């Protein structure tokens, strides 16, 4: 069975958990989810505030979930590439400044999400640099 075959089941489980009696959220908590093989799934409507199981209010934020445990596993290249492409598309599409690029753990003391291996890619500026390269390339092609 391919990784992508597991993703819809995992996403449905996340949705069921979030909409369950303990949380009663309107839908899956994320706007986008990225499977380990790089397939991007749409979650809740981007104009509806996401949800977290922590102390902060994510209103006005676009929530992207990379599926996996990045404290224990490496970030698959296909997933990382998909994340970078998605951010590069979302930033101009929704007028989100890359200066606001952050992770769940940057807003919450109650989580280690997105895990040390993915968090490192944000903190070193790797993801932001790659996103900026894509955005600049697209702008040059439009001229």
C-alpha atoms as a PDB file:
ATOM      1  CA  UNK A   1       0.000   0.000   0.000  1.00  0.00           C
ATOM      2  CA  UNK A   2       1.351   3.442  -0.927  1.00  0.00           C
ATOM      3  CA  UNK A   3       1.772   6.220   1.658  1.00  0.00           C
ATOM      4  CA  UNK A   4      -0.857   8.298  -0.121  1.00  0.00           C
ATOM      5  CA  UNK A   5      -3.385   5.498   0.468  1.00  0.00           C
ATOM      6  CA  UNK A   6      -3.030   6.032   4.227  1.00  0.00           C
ATOM      7  CA  UNK A   7      -3.353   9.832   4.156  1.00  0.00           C
ATOM      8  CA  UNK A   8      -7.134  10.077   3.543  1.00  0.00           C
ATOM      9  CA  UNK A   9      -7.783   7.674   6.432  1.00  0.00           C
ATOM     10  CA  UNK A  10      -5.481   9.666   8.720  1.00  0.00           C
ATOM     11  CA  UNK A  11      -7.122  12.941   7.669  1.00  0.00           C
ATOM     12  CA  UNK A  12     -10.580  11.495   8.360  1.00  0.00           C
ATOM     13  CA  UNK A  13      -9.381  10.369  11.800  1.00  0.00           C
ATOM     14  CA  UNK A  14      -8.098  13.905  12.536  1.00  0.00           C
ATOM     15  CA  UNK A  15     -11.446  15.347  11.428  1.00  0.00           C
ATOM     16  CA  UNK A  16     -13.420  12.872  13.557  1.00  0.00           C
ATOM     17  CA  UNK A  17     -11.218  13.635  16.582  1.00  0.00           C
ATOM     18  CA  UNK A  18     -11.640  17.411  16.119  1.00  0.00           C
ATOM     19  CA  UNK A  19     -15.388  17.233  15.579  1.00  0.00           C
ATOM     20  CA  UNK A  20     -15.835  14.765  18.441  1.00  0.00           C
ATOM     21  CA  UNK A  21     -17.551  15.424  21.773  1.00  0.00           C
ATOM     22  CA  UNK A  22     -14.363  16.628  23.496  1.00  0.00           C
ATOM     23  CA  UNK A  23     -13.677  19.465  21.030  1.00  0.00           C
ATOM     24  CA  UNK A  24     -16.798  20.037  18.948  1.00  0.00           C
ATOM     25  CA  UNK A  25     -14.853  21.873  16.239  1.00  0.00           C
ATOM     26  CA  UNK A  26     -16.643  22.647  12.987  1.00  0.00           C
ATOM     27  CA  UNK A  27     -14.228  20.623  10.840  1.00  0.00           C
ATOM     28  CA  UNK A  28     -10.655  19.411  10.545  1.00  0.00           C
ATOM     29  CA  UNK A  29      -8.415  21.955  12.329  1.00  0.00           C
ATOM     30  CA  UNK A  30      -6.059  22.672   9.397  1.00  0.00           C
ATOM     31  CA  UNK A  31      -6.476  24.530   6.120  1.00  0.00           C
ATOM     32  CA  UNK A  32      -4.036  22.252   4.282  1.00  0.00           C
ATOM     33  CA  UNK A  33      -2.417  18.918   5.051  1.00  0.00           C
ATOM     34  CA  UNK A  34       0.614  17.453   3.305  1.00  0.00           C
ATOM     35  CA  UNK A  35       1.173  13.712   3.199  1.00  0.00           C
ATOM     36  CA  UNK A  36       4.699  12.265   3.381  1.00  0.00           C
ATOM     37  CA  UNK A  37       4.637  11.596  -0.380  1.00  0.00           C
ATOM     38  CA  UNK A  38       3.984  15.302  -1.052  1.00  0.00           C
ATOM     39  CA  UNK A  39       0.290  15.124  -1.893  1.00  0.00           C
ATOM     40  CA  UNK A  40      -1.446  18.264  -0.646  1.00  0.00           C
ATOM     41  CA  UNK A  41      -4.966  17.961   0.768  1.00  0.00           C
ATOM     42  CA  UNK A  42      -7.376  20.811   1.406  1.00  0.00           C
ATOM     43  CA  UNK A  43      -8.761  20.973   4.914  1.00  0.00           C
ATOM     44  CA  UNK A  44     -11.172  23.586   6.161  1.00  0.00           C
ATOM     45  CA  UNK A  45     -11.987  26.739   4.205  1.00  0.00           C
ATOM     46  CA  UNK A  46      -9.068  29.184   4.378  1.00  0.00           C
ATOM     47  CA  UNK A  47     -11.363  32.008   5.460  1.00  0.00           C
ATOM     48  CA  UNK A  48     -12.520  30.016   8.496  1.00  0.00           C
ATOM     49  CA  UNK A  49     -10.232  30.210  11.522  1.00  0.00           C
ATOM     50  CA  UNK A  50      -8.318  27.034  12.197  1.00  0.00           C
ATOM     51  CA  UNK A  51      -8.181  25.252  15.532  1.00  0.00           C
ATOM     52  CA  UNK A  52      -5.413  24.215  17.880  1.00  0.00           C
ATOM     53  CA  UNK A  53      -5.433  21.997  20.899  1.00  0.00           C
ATOM     54  CA  UNK A  54      -3.331  24.605  22.718  1.00  0.00           C
ATOM     55  CA  UNK A  55      -3.643  27.972  24.450  1.00  0.00           C
ATOM     56  CA  UNK A  56      -3.461  30.373  21.499  1.00  0.00           C
ATOM     57  CA  UNK A  57      -6.105  31.629  19.073  1.00  0.00           C
ATOM     58  CA  UNK A  58      -5.086  30.989  15.436  1.00  0.00           C
ATOM     59  CA  UNK A  59      -7.586  33.458  13.978  1.00  0.00           C
ATOM     60  CA  UNK A  60      -6.027  35.122  10.935  1.00  0.00           C
ATOM     61  CA  UNK A  61      -3.449  32.365  10.450  1.00  0.00           C
ATOM     62  CA  UNK A  62      -3.233  29.789   7.683  1.00  0.00           C
ATOM     63  CA  UNK A  63      -2.656  26.371   9.236  1.00  0.00           C
ATOM     64  CA  UNK A  64      -0.644  23.794   7.292  1.00  0.00           C
ATOM     65  CA  UNK A  65      -0.063  20.334   8.734  1.00  0.00           C
ATOM     66  CA  UNK A  66       2.805  18.141   7.554  1.00  0.00           C
ATOM     67  CA  UNK A  67       1.715  14.644   8.471  1.00  0.00           C
ATOM     68  CA  UNK A  68       4.315  12.739  10.491  1.00  0.00           C
ATOM     69  CA  UNK A  69       6.325  12.816  13.702  1.00  0.00           C
ATOM     70  CA  UNK A  70       9.388  14.924  12.967  1.00  0.00           C
ATOM     71  CA  UNK A  71      10.885  14.406  16.399  1.00  0.00           C
ATOM     72  CA  UNK A  72      11.420  10.787  15.368  1.00  0.00           C
ATOM     73  CA  UNK A  73      11.588  10.754  11.570  1.00  0.00           C
ATOM     74  CA  UNK A  74      13.223  12.769   8.835  1.00  0.00           C
ATOM     75  CA  UNK A  75      11.075  15.067   6.741  1.00  0.00           C
ATOM     76  CA  UNK A  76      10.629  13.334   3.367  1.00  0.00           C
ATOM     77  CA  UNK A  77      12.013  15.447   0.491  1.00  0.00           C
ATOM     78  CA  UNK A  78       8.706  15.200  -1.379  1.00  0.00           C
ATOM     79  CA  UNK A  79       6.823  16.538   1.642  1.00  0.00           C
ATOM     80  CA  UNK A  80       9.296  19.354   2.251  1.00  0.00           C
ATOM     81  CA  UNK A  81       9.171  20.374  -1.418  1.00  0.00           C
ATOM     82  CA  UNK A  82       5.366  20.359  -1.320  1.00  0.00           C
ATOM     83  CA  UNK A  83       5.391  22.517   1.823  1.00  0.00           C
ATOM     84  CA  UNK A  84       7.704  25.046   0.193  1.00  0.00           C
ATOM     85  CA  UNK A  85       5.593  25.171  -2.999  1.00  0.00           C
ATOM     86  CA  UNK A  86       2.375  25.517  -0.994  1.00  0.00           C
ATOM     87  CA  UNK A  87       3.739  28.404   1.078  1.00  0.00           C
ATOM     88  CA  UNK A  88       5.069  30.043  -2.112  1.00  0.00           C
ATOM     89  CA  UNK A  89       1.570  29.837  -3.594  1.00  0.00           C
ATOM     90  CA  UNK A  90      -0.330  30.845  -0.431  1.00  0.00           C
ATOM     91  CA  UNK A  91       1.826  33.861   0.406  1.00  0.00           C
ATOM     92  CA  UNK A  92       0.861  35.995  -2.622  1.00  0.00           C
ATOM     93  CA  UNK A  93      -2.559  34.347  -3.052  1.00  0.00           C
ATOM     94  CA  UNK A  94      -3.707  35.322   0.461  1.00  0.00           C
ATOM     95  CA  UNK A  95      -1.358  38.309   0.868  1.00  0.00           C
ATOM     96  CA  UNK A  96       0.574  36.726   3.730  1.00  0.00           C
ATOM     97  CA  UNK A  97       3.951  38.285   4.459  1.00  0.00           C
ATOM     98  CA  UNK A  98       6.803  35.813   4.738  1.00  0.00           C
ATOM     99  CA  UNK A  99       7.874  37.799   7.806  1.00  0.00           C
ATOM    100  CA  UNK A 100       4.927  36.111   9.541  1.00  0.00           C
ATOM    101  CA  UNK A 101       6.091  32.593   8.666  1.00  0.00           C
ATOM    102  CA  UNK A 102       6.106  30.602  11.901  1.00  0.00           C
ATOM    103  CA  UNK A 103       5.312  27.213  13.368  1.00  0.00           C
ATOM    104  CA  UNK A 104       2.856  25.963  15.954  1.00  0.00           C
ATOM    105  CA  UNK A 105       5.527  25.870  18.658  1.00  0.00           C
ATOM    106  CA  UNK A 106       6.380  29.547  17.989  1.00  0.00           C
ATOM    107  CA  UNK A 107       2.913  30.410  19.305  1.00  0.00           C
ATOM    108  CA  UNK A 108       2.459  27.744  21.956  1.00  0.00           C
ATOM    109  CA  UNK A 109       4.400  26.470  24.943  1.00  0.00           C
ATOM    110  CA  UNK A 110       2.225  23.347  24.941  1.00  0.00           C
ATOM    111  CA  UNK A 111       3.605  21.638  21.836  1.00  0.00           C
ATOM    112  CA  UNK A 112       6.818  20.595  20.121  1.00  0.00           C
ATOM    113  CA  UNK A 113       5.024  20.669  16.759  1.00  0.00           C
ATOM    114  CA  UNK A 114       6.268  20.517  14.027  1.00  0.00           C
ATOM    115  CA  UNK A 115       9.036  18.415  15.585  1.00  0.00           C
ATOM    116  CA  UNK A 116      12.744  19.194  15.798  1.00  0.00           C
ATOM    117  CA  UNK A 117      13.668  18.037  12.282  1.00  0.00           C
ATOM    118  CA  UNK A 118      11.095  20.235  10.529  1.00  0.00           C
ATOM    119  CA  UNK A 119      11.378  23.086  13.042  1.00  0.00           C
ATOM    120  CA  UNK A 120      15.098  23.359  12.257  1.00  0.00           C
ATOM    121  CA  UNK A 121      14.243  24.059   8.601  1.00  0.00           C
ATOM    122  CA  UNK A 122      12.124  27.044   9.691  1.00  0.00           C
ATOM    123  CA  UNK A 123      14.574  28.381  12.276  1.00  0.00           C
ATOM    124  CA  UNK A 124      17.581  28.299   9.947  1.00  0.00           C
ATOM    125  CA  UNK A 125      15.609  30.244   7.339  1.00  0.00           C
ATOM    126  CA  UNK A 126      15.862  27.386   4.822  1.00  0.00           C
ATOM    127  CA  UNK A 127      12.135  27.269   4.097  1.00  0.00           C
ATOM    128  CA  UNK A 128      11.781  31.026   3.809  1.00  0.00           C
ATOM    129  CA  UNK A 129      14.751  31.234   1.404  1.00  0.00           C
ATOM    130  CA  UNK A 130      13.357  28.476  -0.813  1.00  0.00           C
ATOM    131  CA  UNK A 131       9.897  30.082  -0.825  1.00  0.00           C
ATOM    132  CA  UNK A 132      11.381  33.449  -1.762  1.00  0.00           C
ATOM    133  CA  UNK A 133      13.309  31.849  -4.637  1.00  0.00           C
ATOM    134  CA  UNK A 134      10.091  30.407  -6.060  1.00  0.00           C
ATOM    135  CA  UNK A 135       8.165  33.660  -5.676  1.00  0.00           C
ATOM    136  CA  UNK A 136      10.960  35.654  -7.372  1.00  0.00           C
ATOM    137  CA  UNK A 137      11.149  33.145 -10.226  1.00  0.00           C
ATOM    138  CA  UNK A 138       7.388  33.349 -10.807  1.00  0.00           C
ATOM    139  CA  UNK A 139       7.490  37.157 -10.768  1.00  0.00           C
ATOM    140  CA  UNK A 140      10.300  37.174 -13.368  1.00  0.00           C
ATOM    141  CA  UNK A 141       8.280  34.865 -15.609  1.00  0.00           C
ATOM    142  CA  UNK A 142       5.284  37.206 -15.411  1.00  0.00           C
ATOM    143  CA  UNK A 143       7.279  40.200 -16.648  1.00  0.00           C
END
